Amino acid sequence: MKITETLQDNICTLSVEGDVDTLTAPELEKTIESYAPRCQKMILDLAGVGYISSAGIRTVLKARQLMGNEHLVLKNLNQNILGIFRITGFLNALNIES
């Protein structure tokens, strides 16, 4: 997994590439936690993510708890990732933009 971070005008964008699973979710979580204090809004750009496991979902939910739903945006989710959030029941609980 690769994470590219950008901070501009108190908006953090974390662009994620690769799978977010048990092995990689802790790295994403650590990055989210380190950027959160500096961000008024956080964007998780998941365009490069092909698979997200339950550990990855937990990391996204922790980010939501940390930032607040109105300050966390998930962008560029492919149909597989949208399907996983739909099946788990979290699709409507998250702020998702295309």
PDB file of N, CA and C in Angstrom:
ATOM      1  N   MET A   1       0.842  -1.173   0.000  1.00  0.00           N
ATOM      2  CA  MET A   1       0.000   0.000   0.000  1.00  0.00           C
ATOM      3  C   MET A   1       0.886   1.235   0.000  1.00  0.00           C
ATOM      4  N   LYS A   2       0.448   2.242  -0.725  1.00  0.00           N
ATOM      5  CA  LYS A   2       1.159   3.523  -0.791  1.00  0.00           C
ATOM      6  C   LYS A   2       0.179   4.631  -0.421  1.00  0.00           C
ATOM      7  N   ILE A   3       0.631   5.562   0.418  1.00  0.00           N
ATOM      8  CA  ILE A   3      -0.196   6.690   0.830  1.00  0.00           C
ATOM      9  C   ILE A   3       0.532   7.970   0.446  1.00  0.00           C
ATOM     10  N   THR A   4      -0.159   8.829  -0.294  1.00  0.00           N
ATOM     11  CA  THR A   4       0.379  10.128  -0.646  1.00  0.00           C
ATOM     12  C   THR A   4      -0.426  11.168   0.116  1.00  0.00           C
ATOM     13  N   GLU A   5       0.281  12.003   0.870  1.00  0.00           N
ATOM     14  CA  GLU A   5      -0.383  12.996   1.722  1.00  0.00           C
ATOM     15  C   GLU A   5      -0.221  14.394   1.136  1.00  0.00           C
ATOM     16  N   THR A   6      -1.303  15.180   1.190  1.00  0.00           N
ATOM     17  CA  THR A   6      -1.265  16.582   0.793  1.00  0.00           C
ATOM     18  C   THR A   6      -2.017  17.383   1.840  1.00  0.00           C
ATOM     19  N   LEU A   7      -1.465  18.521   2.217  1.00  0.00           N
ATOM     20  CA  LEU A   7      -2.125  19.413   3.168  1.00  0.00           C
ATOM     21  C   LEU A   7      -2.169  20.800   2.542  1.00  0.00           C
ATOM     22  N   GLN A   8      -3.397  21.295   2.318  1.00  0.00           N
ATOM     23  CA  GLN A   8      -3.571  22.615   1.724  1.00  0.00           C
ATOM     24  C   GLN A   8      -4.809  23.259   2.313  1.00  0.00           C
ATOM     25  N   ASP A   9      -4.657  24.464   2.838  1.00  0.00           N
ATOM     26  CA  ASP A   9      -5.776  25.219   3.417  1.00  0.00           C
ATOM     27  C   ASP A   9      -6.534  24.412   4.470  1.00  0.00           C
ATOM     28  N   ASN A  10      -5.806  23.741   5.346  1.00  0.00           N
ATOM     29  CA  ASN A  10      -6.373  22.914   6.423  1.00  0.00           C
ATOM     30  C   ASN A  10      -7.198  21.731   5.917  1.00  0.00           C
ATOM     31  N   ILE A  11      -6.995  21.363   4.658  1.00  0.00           N
ATOM     32  CA  ILE A  11      -7.647  20.179   4.096  1.00  0.00           C
ATOM     33  C   ILE A  11      -6.558  19.155   3.790  1.00  0.00           C
ATOM     34  N   CYS A  12      -6.654  18.008   4.443  1.00  0.00           N
ATOM     35  CA  CYS A  12      -5.703  16.922   4.222  1.00  0.00           C
ATOM     36  C   CYS A  12      -6.307  15.950   3.211  1.00  0.00           C
ATOM     37  N   THR A  13      -5.528  15.607   2.215  1.00  0.00           N
ATOM     38  CA  THR A  13      -5.942  14.574   1.278  1.00  0.00           C
ATOM     39  C   THR A  13      -4.952  13.427   1.395  1.00  0.00           C
ATOM     40  N   LEU A  14      -5.474  12.261   1.708  1.00  0.00           N
ATOM     41  CA  LEU A  14      -4.667  11.051   1.769  1.00  0.00           C
ATOM     42  C   LEU A  14      -5.097  10.170   0.604  1.00  0.00           C
ATOM     43  N   SER A  15      -4.243  10.049  -0.392  1.00  0.00           N
ATOM     44  CA  SER A  15      -4.522   9.216  -1.561  1.00  0.00           C
ATOM     45  C   SER A  15      -3.903   7.848  -1.319  1.00  0.00           C
ATOM     46  N   VAL A  16      -4.741   6.832  -1.358  1.00  0.00           N
ATOM     47  CA  VAL A  16      -4.317   5.473  -1.001  1.00  0.00           C
ATOM     48  C   VAL A  16      -4.296   4.607  -2.260  1.00  0.00           C
ATOM     49  N   GLU A  17      -3.204   3.855  -2.424  1.00  0.00           N
ATOM     50  CA  GLU A  17      -3.076   2.905  -3.523  1.00  0.00           C
ATOM     51  C   GLU A  17      -2.739   1.537  -2.965  1.00  0.00           C
ATOM     52  N   GLY A  18      -3.418   0.518  -3.471  1.00  0.00           N
ATOM     53  CA  GLY A  18      -3.173  -0.844  -3.020  1.00  0.00           C
ATOM     54  C   GLY A  18      -4.297  -1.325  -2.114  1.00  0.00           C
ATOM     55  N   ASP A  19      -4.152  -2.519  -1.604  1.00  0.00           N
ATOM     56  CA  ASP A  19      -5.165  -3.106  -0.729  1.00  0.00           C
ATOM     57  C   ASP A  19      -5.042  -2.547   0.688  1.00  0.00           C
ATOM     58  N   VAL A  20      -6.187  -2.351   1.319  1.00  0.00           N
ATOM     59  CA  VAL A  20      -6.215  -1.944   2.725  1.00  0.00           C
ATOM     60  C   VAL A  20      -6.730  -3.162   3.494  1.00  0.00           C
ATOM     61  N   ASP A  21      -5.797  -3.880   4.096  1.00  0.00           N
ATOM     62  CA  ASP A  21      -6.138  -5.133   4.770  1.00  0.00           C
ATOM     63  C   ASP A  21      -5.469  -5.195   6.137  1.00  0.00           C
ATOM     64  N   THR A  22      -5.448  -6.363   6.716  1.00  0.00           N
ATOM     65  CA  THR A  22      -4.898  -6.550   8.060  1.00  0.00           C
ATOM     66  C   THR A  22      -3.442  -6.094   8.156  1.00  0.00           C
ATOM     67  N   LEU A  23      -2.692  -6.291   7.100  1.00  0.00           N
ATOM     68  CA  LEU A  23      -1.280  -5.920   7.123  1.00  0.00           C
ATOM     69  C   LEU A  23      -1.053  -4.424   6.901  1.00  0.00           C
ATOM     70  N   THR A  24      -1.902  -3.782   6.108  1.00  0.00           N
ATOM     71  CA  THR A  24      -1.661  -2.390   5.732  1.00  0.00           C
ATOM     72  C   THR A  24      -2.527  -1.376   6.481  1.00  0.00           C
ATOM     73  N   ALA A  25      -3.644  -1.803   7.035  1.00  0.00           N
ATOM     74  CA  ALA A  25      -4.549  -0.881   7.738  1.00  0.00           C
ATOM     75  C   ALA A  25      -3.862  -0.133   8.880  1.00  0.00           C
ATOM     76  N   PRO A  26      -2.970  -0.769   9.663  1.00  0.00           N
ATOM     77  CA  PRO A  26      -2.298  -0.014  10.727  1.00  0.00           C
ATOM     78  C   PRO A  26      -1.482   1.176  10.209  1.00  0.00           C
ATOM     79  N   GLU A  27      -0.873   1.042   9.048  1.00  0.00           N
ATOM     80  CA  GLU A  27      -0.120   2.153   8.459  1.00  0.00           C
ATOM     81  C   GLU A  27      -1.060   3.308   8.093  1.00  0.00           C
ATOM     82  N   LEU A  28      -2.205   2.979   7.499  1.00  0.00           N
ATOM     83  CA  LEU A  28      -3.183   4.013   7.157  1.00  0.00           C
ATOM     84  C   LEU A  28      -3.713   4.673   8.425  1.00  0.00           C
ATOM     85  N   GLU A  29      -4.008   3.881   9.428  1.00  0.00           N
ATOM     86  CA  GLU A  29      -4.506   4.421  10.694  1.00  0.00           C
ATOM     87  C   GLU A  29      -3.492   5.385  11.324  1.00  0.00           C
ATOM     88  N   LYS A  30      -2.230   4.999  11.313  1.00  0.00           N
ATOM     89  CA  LYS A  30      -1.178   5.848  11.870  1.00  0.00           C
ATOM     90  C   LYS A  30      -1.081   7.162  11.089  1.00  0.00           C
ATOM     91  N   THR A  31      -1.183   7.106   9.780  1.00  0.00           N
ATOM     92  CA  THR A  31      -1.128   8.308   8.954  1.00  0.00           C
ATOM     93  C   THR A  31      -2.315   9.209   9.233  1.00  0.00           C
ATOM     94  N   ILE A  32      -3.505   8.631   9.332  1.00  0.00           N
ATOM     95  CA  ILE A  32      -4.710   9.403   9.642  1.00  0.00           C
ATOM     96  C   ILE A  32      -4.545  10.106  10.987  1.00  0.00           C
ATOM     97  N   GLU A  33      -4.092   9.368  11.983  1.00  0.00           N
ATOM     98  CA  GLU A  33      -3.932   9.934  13.325  1.00  0.00           C
ATOM     99  C   GLU A  33      -2.890  11.055  13.352  1.00  0.00           C
ATOM    100  N   SER A  34      -1.856  10.946  12.539  1.00  0.00           N
ATOM    101  CA  SER A  34      -0.828  11.990  12.546  1.00  0.00           C
ATOM    102  C   SER A  34      -1.296  13.258  11.826  1.00  0.00           C
ATOM    103  N   TYR A  35      -2.153  13.117  10.833  1.00  0.00           N
ATOM    104  CA  TYR A  35      -2.633  14.286  10.091  1.00  0.00           C
ATOM    105  C   TYR A  35      -3.871  14.924  10.710  1.00  0.00           C
ATOM    106  N   ALA A  36      -4.671  14.180  11.411  1.00  0.00           N
ATOM    107  CA  ALA A  36      -5.956  14.679  11.929  1.00  0.00           C
ATOM    108  C   ALA A  36      -5.850  15.985  12.723  1.00  0.00           C
ATOM    109  N   PRO A  37      -4.870  16.150  13.619  1.00  0.00           N
ATOM    110  CA  PRO A  37      -4.810  17.399  14.387  1.00  0.00           C
ATOM    111  C   PRO A  37      -4.574  18.649  13.524  1.00  0.00           C
ATOM    112  N   ARG A  38      -4.027  18.456  12.324  1.00  0.00           N
ATOM    113  CA  ARG A  38      -3.718  19.582  11.446  1.00  0.00           C
ATOM    114  C   ARG A  38      -4.809  19.857  10.421  1.00  0.00           C
ATOM    115  N   CYS A  39      -5.851  19.038  10.409  1.00  0.00           N
ATOM    116  CA  CYS A  39      -6.862  19.116   9.352  1.00  0.00           C
ATOM    117  C   CYS A  39      -8.203  19.600   9.879  1.00  0.00           C
ATOM    118  N   GLN A  40      -8.787  20.489   9.141  1.00  0.00           N
ATOM    119  CA  GLN A  40     -10.171  20.851   9.411  1.00  0.00           C
ATOM    120  C   GLN A  40     -11.090  19.871   8.674  1.00  0.00           C
ATOM    121  N   LYS A  41     -10.590  19.370   7.543  1.00  0.00           N
ATOM    122  CA  LYS A  41     -11.315  18.393   6.743  1.00  0.00           C
ATOM    123  C   LYS A  41     -10.294  17.385   6.227  1.00  0.00           C
ATOM    124  N   MET A  42     -10.688  16.108   6.197  1.00  0.00           N
ATOM    125  CA  MET A  42      -9.816  15.066   5.670  1.00  0.00           C
ATOM    126  C   MET A  42     -10.524  14.357   4.526  1.00  0.00           C
ATOM    127  N   ILE A  43      -9.803  14.202   3.433  1.00  0.00           N
ATOM    128  CA  ILE A  43     -10.306  13.474   2.271  1.00  0.00           C
ATOM    129  C   ILE A  43      -9.490  12.197   2.131  1.00  0.00           C
ATOM    130  N   LEU A  44     -10.174  11.074   2.117  1.00  0.00           N
ATOM    131  CA  LEU A  44      -9.521   9.797   1.820  1.00  0.00           C
ATOM    132  C   LEU A  44      -9.858   9.461   0.373  1.00  0.00           C
ATOM    133  N   ASP A  45      -8.884   9.602  -0.499  1.00  0.00           N
ATOM    134  CA  ASP A  45      -9.062   9.300  -1.919  1.00  0.00           C
ATOM    135  C   ASP A  45      -8.688   7.835  -2.119  1.00  0.00           C
ATOM    136  N   LEU A  46      -9.695   7.021  -2.370  1.00  0.00           N
ATOM    137  CA  LEU A  46      -9.494   5.572  -2.464  1.00  0.00           C
ATOM    138  C   LEU A  46      -9.512   5.068  -3.907  1.00  0.00           C
ATOM    139  N   ALA A  47      -9.207   5.957  -4.854  1.00  0.00           N
ATOM    140  CA  ALA A  47      -9.225   5.576  -6.269  1.00  0.00           C
ATOM    141  C   ALA A  47      -8.305   4.396  -6.564  1.00  0.00           C
ATOM    142  N   GLY A  48      -7.192   4.310  -5.857  1.00  0.00           N
ATOM    143  CA  GLY A  48      -6.227   3.250  -6.103  1.00  0.00           C
ATOM    144  C   GLY A  48      -6.410   2.010  -5.260  1.00  0.00           C
ATOM    145  N   VAL A  49      -7.524   1.925  -4.534  1.00  0.00           N
ATOM    146  CA  VAL A  49      -7.769   0.776  -3.654  1.00  0.00           C
ATOM    147  C   VAL A  49      -8.674  -0.228  -4.363  1.00  0.00           C
ATOM    148  N   GLY A  50      -8.194  -1.443  -4.474  1.00  0.00           N
ATOM    149  CA  GLY A  50      -8.980  -2.494  -5.113  1.00  0.00           C
ATOM    150  C   GLY A  50      -9.703  -3.390  -4.128  1.00  0.00           C
ATOM    151  N   TYR A  51      -9.234  -3.400  -2.894  1.00  0.00           N
ATOM    152  CA  TYR A  51      -9.818  -4.281  -1.869  1.00  0.00           C
ATOM    153  C   TYR A  51      -9.658  -3.634  -0.510  1.00  0.00           C
ATOM    154  N   ILE A  52     -10.695  -3.755   0.305  1.00  0.00           N
ATOM    155  CA  ILE A  52     -10.631  -3.295   1.688  1.00  0.00           C
ATOM    156  C   ILE A  52     -11.207  -4.394   2.580  1.00  0.00           C
ATOM    157  N   SER A  53     -10.461  -4.777   3.594  1.00  0.00           N
ATOM    158  CA  SER A  53     -10.904  -5.838   4.513  1.00  0.00           C
ATOM    159  C   SER A  53     -11.628  -5.221   5.696  1.00  0.00           C
ATOM    160  N   SER A  54     -12.034  -6.058   6.624  1.00  0.00           N
ATOM    161  CA  SER A  54     -12.691  -5.555   7.839  1.00  0.00           C
ATOM    162  C   SER A  54     -11.747  -4.656   8.633  1.00  0.00           C
ATOM    163  N   ALA A  55     -10.448  -4.944   8.595  1.00  0.00           N
ATOM    164  CA  ALA A  55      -9.473  -4.080   9.277  1.00  0.00           C
ATOM    165  C   ALA A  55      -9.443  -2.700   8.618  1.00  0.00           C
ATOM    166  N   GLY A  56      -9.552  -2.660   7.310  1.00  0.00           N
ATOM    167  CA  GLY A  56      -9.599  -1.390   6.593  1.00  0.00           C
ATOM    168  C   GLY A  56     -10.875  -0.622   6.885  1.00  0.00           C
ATOM    169  N   ILE A  57     -11.984  -1.329   6.946  1.00  0.00           N
ATOM    170  CA  ILE A  57     -13.262  -0.688   7.296  1.00  0.00           C
ATOM    171  C   ILE A  57     -13.178  -0.110   8.693  1.00  0.00           C
ATOM    172  N   ARG A  58     -12.603  -0.861   9.616  1.00  0.00           N
ATOM    173  CA  ARG A  58     -12.439  -0.364  10.981  1.00  0.00           C
ATOM    174  C   ARG A  58     -11.604   0.916  10.996  1.00  0.00           C
ATOM    175  N   THR A  59     -10.569   0.965  10.192  1.00  0.00           N
ATOM    176  CA  THR A  59      -9.713   2.151  10.109  1.00  0.00           C
ATOM    177  C   THR A  59     -10.500   3.350   9.588  1.00  0.00           C
ATOM    178  N   VAL A  60     -11.325   3.147   8.589  1.00  0.00           N
ATOM    179  CA  VAL A  60     -12.163   4.229   8.056  1.00  0.00           C
ATOM    180  C   VAL A  60     -13.156   4.705   9.123  1.00  0.00           C
ATOM    181  N   LEU A  61     -13.743   3.776   9.855  1.00  0.00           N
ATOM    182  CA  LEU A  61     -14.689   4.150  10.906  1.00  0.00           C
ATOM    183  C   LEU A  61     -13.991   4.885  12.052  1.00  0.00           C
ATOM    184  N   LYS A  62     -12.759   4.508  12.360  1.00  0.00           N
ATOM    185  CA  LYS A  62     -11.989   5.229  13.380  1.00  0.00           C
ATOM    186  C   LYS A  62     -11.680   6.648  12.907  1.00  0.00           C
ATOM    187  N   ALA A  63     -11.388   6.793  11.621  1.00  0.00           N
ATOM    188  CA  ALA A  63     -11.146   8.129  11.055  1.00  0.00           C
ATOM    189  C   ALA A  63     -12.405   8.975  11.152  1.00  0.00           C
ATOM    190  N   ARG A  64     -13.545   8.354  10.894  1.00  0.00           N
ATOM    191  CA  ARG A  64     -14.828   9.063  11.012  1.00  0.00           C
ATOM    192  C   ARG A  64     -15.059   9.521  12.441  1.00  0.00           C
ATOM    193  N   GLN A  65     -14.748   8.668  13.383  1.00  0.00           N
ATOM    194  CA  GLN A  65     -14.902   9.008  14.797  1.00  0.00           C
ATOM    195  C   GLN A  65     -13.931  10.130  15.191  1.00  0.00           C
ATOM    196  N   LEU A  66     -12.725  10.059  14.693  1.00  0.00           N
ATOM    197  CA  LEU A  66     -11.706  11.047  15.008  1.00  0.00           C
ATOM    198  C   LEU A  66     -12.017  12.414  14.398  1.00  0.00           C
ATOM    199  N   MET A  67     -12.436  12.429  13.137  1.00  0.00           N
ATOM    200  CA  MET A  67     -12.666  13.685  12.414  1.00  0.00           C
ATOM    201  C   MET A  67     -14.105  14.190  12.542  1.00  0.00           C
ATOM    202  N   GLY A  68     -15.040  13.285  12.780  1.00  0.00           N
ATOM    203  CA  GLY A  68     -16.456  13.635  12.705  1.00  0.00           C
ATOM    204  C   GLY A  68     -16.919  13.415  11.271  1.00  0.00           C
ATOM    205  N   ASN A  69     -18.113  12.909  11.083  1.00  0.00           N
ATOM    206  CA  ASN A  69     -18.575  12.536   9.748  1.00  0.00           C
ATOM    207  C   ASN A  69     -18.566  13.713   8.777  1.00  0.00           C
ATOM    208  N   GLU A  70     -18.902  14.917   9.267  1.00  0.00           N
ATOM    209  CA  GLU A  70     -18.952  16.072   8.369  1.00  0.00           C
ATOM    210  C   GLU A  70     -17.562  16.540   7.942  1.00  0.00           C
ATOM    211  N   HIS A  71     -16.514  16.075   8.599  1.00  0.00           N
ATOM    212  CA  HIS A  71     -15.151  16.502   8.283  1.00  0.00           C
ATOM    213  C   HIS A  71     -14.313  15.402   7.641  1.00  0.00           C
ATOM    214  N   LEU A  72     -14.937  14.259   7.343  1.00  0.00           N
ATOM    215  CA  LEU A  72     -14.257  13.168   6.654  1.00  0.00           C
ATOM    216  C   LEU A  72     -15.020  12.858   5.372  1.00  0.00           C
ATOM    217  N   VAL A  73     -14.305  12.875   4.256  1.00  0.00           N
ATOM    218  CA  VAL A  73     -14.916  12.578   2.960  1.00  0.00           C
ATOM    219  C   VAL A  73     -14.150  11.429   2.318  1.00  0.00           C
ATOM    220  N   LEU A  74     -14.881  10.435   1.839  1.00  0.00           N
ATOM    221  CA  LEU A  74     -14.290   9.348   1.060  1.00  0.00           C
ATOM    222  C   LEU A  74     -14.578   9.644  -0.410  1.00  0.00           C
ATOM    223  N   LYS A  75     -13.541   9.600  -1.237  1.00  0.00           N
ATOM    224  CA  LYS A  75     -13.697   9.928  -2.657  1.00  0.00           C
ATOM    225  C   LYS A  75     -13.189   8.801  -3.534  1.00  0.00           C
ATOM    226  N   ASN A  76     -13.782   8.740  -4.728  1.00  0.00           N
ATOM    227  CA  ASN A  76     -13.312   7.864  -5.808  1.00  0.00           C
ATOM    228  C   ASN A  76     -13.308   6.388  -5.440  1.00  0.00           C
ATOM    229  N   LEU A  77     -14.378   5.936  -4.807  1.00  0.00           N
ATOM    230  CA  LEU A  77     -14.503   4.517  -4.482  1.00  0.00           C
ATOM    231  C   LEU A  77     -14.966   3.753  -5.713  1.00  0.00           C
ATOM    232  N   ASN A  78     -14.299   2.652  -6.021  1.00  0.00           N
ATOM    233  CA  ASN A  78     -14.752   1.829  -7.144  1.00  0.00           C
ATOM    234  C   ASN A  78     -15.974   1.002  -6.717  1.00  0.00           C
ATOM    235  N   GLN A  79     -16.556   0.304  -7.644  1.00  0.00           N
ATOM    236  CA  GLN A  79     -17.781  -0.460  -7.370  1.00  0.00           C
ATOM    237  C   GLN A  79     -17.561  -1.561  -6.333  1.00  0.00           C
ATOM    238  N   ASN A  80     -16.374  -2.174  -6.323  1.00  0.00           N
ATOM    239  CA  ASN A  80     -16.092  -3.217  -5.328  1.00  0.00           C
ATOM    240  C   ASN A  80     -16.101  -2.648  -3.911  1.00  0.00           C
ATOM    241  N   ILE A  81     -15.449  -1.511  -3.734  1.00  0.00           N
ATOM    242  CA  ILE A  81     -15.375  -0.897  -2.408  1.00  0.00           C
ATOM    243  C   ILE A  81     -16.754  -0.394  -1.990  1.00  0.00           C
ATOM    244  N   LEU A  82     -17.476   0.227  -2.913  1.00  0.00           N
ATOM    245  CA  LEU A  82     -18.853   0.656  -2.606  1.00  0.00           C
ATOM    246  C   LEU A  82     -19.704  -0.536  -2.193  1.00  0.00           C
ATOM    247  N   GLY A  83     -19.538  -1.653  -2.896  1.00  0.00           N
ATOM    248  CA  GLY A  83     -20.290  -2.862  -2.569  1.00  0.00           C
ATOM    249  C   GLY A  83     -19.976  -3.383  -1.177  1.00  0.00           C
ATOM    250  N   ILE A  84     -18.713  -3.329  -0.801  1.00  0.00           N
ATOM    251  CA  ILE A  84     -18.323  -3.784   0.541  1.00  0.00           C
ATOM    252  C   ILE A  84     -18.960  -2.897   1.605  1.00  0.00           C
ATOM    253  N   PHE A  85     -18.928  -1.570   1.402  1.00  0.00           N
ATOM    254  CA  PHE A  85     -19.562  -0.670   2.368  1.00  0.00           C
ATOM    255  C   PHE A  85     -21.083  -0.868   2.381  1.00  0.00           C
ATOM    256  N   ARG A  86     -21.670  -1.183   1.243  1.00  0.00           N
ATOM    257  CA  ARG A  86     -23.119  -1.424   1.175  1.00  0.00           C
ATOM    258  C   ARG A  86     -23.474  -2.698   1.940  1.00  0.00           C
ATOM    259  N   ILE A  87     -22.734  -3.777   1.695  1.00  0.00           N
ATOM    260  CA  ILE A  87     -23.011  -5.064   2.339  1.00  0.00           C
ATOM    261  C   ILE A  87     -22.854  -4.972   3.855  1.00  0.00           C
ATOM    262  N   THR A  88     -21.847  -4.216   4.304  1.00  0.00           N
ATOM    263  CA  THR A  88     -21.605  -4.106   5.744  1.00  0.00           C
ATOM    264  C   THR A  88     -22.555  -3.121   6.422  1.00  0.00           C
ATOM    265  N   GLY A  89     -23.309  -2.365   5.634  1.00  0.00           N
ATOM    266  CA  GLY A  89     -24.275  -1.435   6.198  1.00  0.00           C
ATOM    267  C   GLY A  89     -23.702  -0.066   6.529  1.00  0.00           C
ATOM    268  N   PHE A  90     -22.474   0.210   6.102  1.00  0.00           N
ATOM    269  CA  PHE A  90     -21.847   1.492   6.421  1.00  0.00           C
ATOM    270  C   PHE A  90     -21.960   2.524   5.307  1.00  0.00           C
ATOM    271  N   LEU A  91     -22.513   2.146   4.170  1.00  0.00           N
ATOM    272  CA  LEU A  91     -22.569   3.053   3.026  1.00  0.00           C
ATOM    273  C   LEU A  91     -23.256   4.374   3.380  1.00  0.00           C
ATOM    274  N   ASN A  92     -24.393   4.297   4.045  1.00  0.00           N
ATOM    275  CA  ASN A  92     -25.143   5.511   4.377  1.00  0.00           C
ATOM    276  C   ASN A  92     -24.599   6.231   5.608  1.00  0.00           C
ATOM    277  N   ALA A  93     -23.694   5.604   6.328  1.00  0.00           N
ATOM    278  CA  ALA A  93     -23.125   6.220   7.532  1.00  0.00           C
ATOM    279  C   ALA A  93     -21.877   7.043   7.217  1.00  0.00           C
ATOM    280  N   LEU A  94     -21.402   6.977   5.976  1.00  0.00           N
ATOM    281  CA  LEU A  94     -20.188   7.662   5.596  1.00  0.00           C
ATOM    282  C   LEU A  94     -20.462   8.759   4.580  1.00  0.00           C
ATOM    283  N   ASN A  95     -19.623   9.771   4.579  1.00  0.00           N
ATOM    284  CA  ASN A  95     -19.731  10.890   3.648  1.00  0.00           C
ATOM    285  C   ASN A  95     -18.924  10.520   2.405  1.00  0.00           C
ATOM    286  N   ILE A  96     -19.614  10.031   1.368  1.00  0.00           N
ATOM    287  CA  ILE A  96     -18.951   9.524   0.166  1.00  0.00           C
ATOM    288  C   ILE A  96     -19.268  10.419  -1.019  1.00  0.00           C
ATOM    289  N   GLU A  97     -18.207  10.846  -1.715  1.00  0.00           N
ATOM    290  CA  GLU A  97     -18.350  11.624  -2.936  1.00  0.00           C
ATOM    291  C   GLU A  97     -17.736  10.828  -4.079  1.00  0.00           C
ATOM    292  N   SER A  98     -18.287  11.009  -5.278  1.00  0.00           N
ATOM    293  CA  SER A  98     -17.720  10.286  -6.424  1.00  0.00           C
ATOM    294  C   SER A  98     -16.571  11.038  -7.046  1.00  0.00           C
TER     295      SER A  98
END
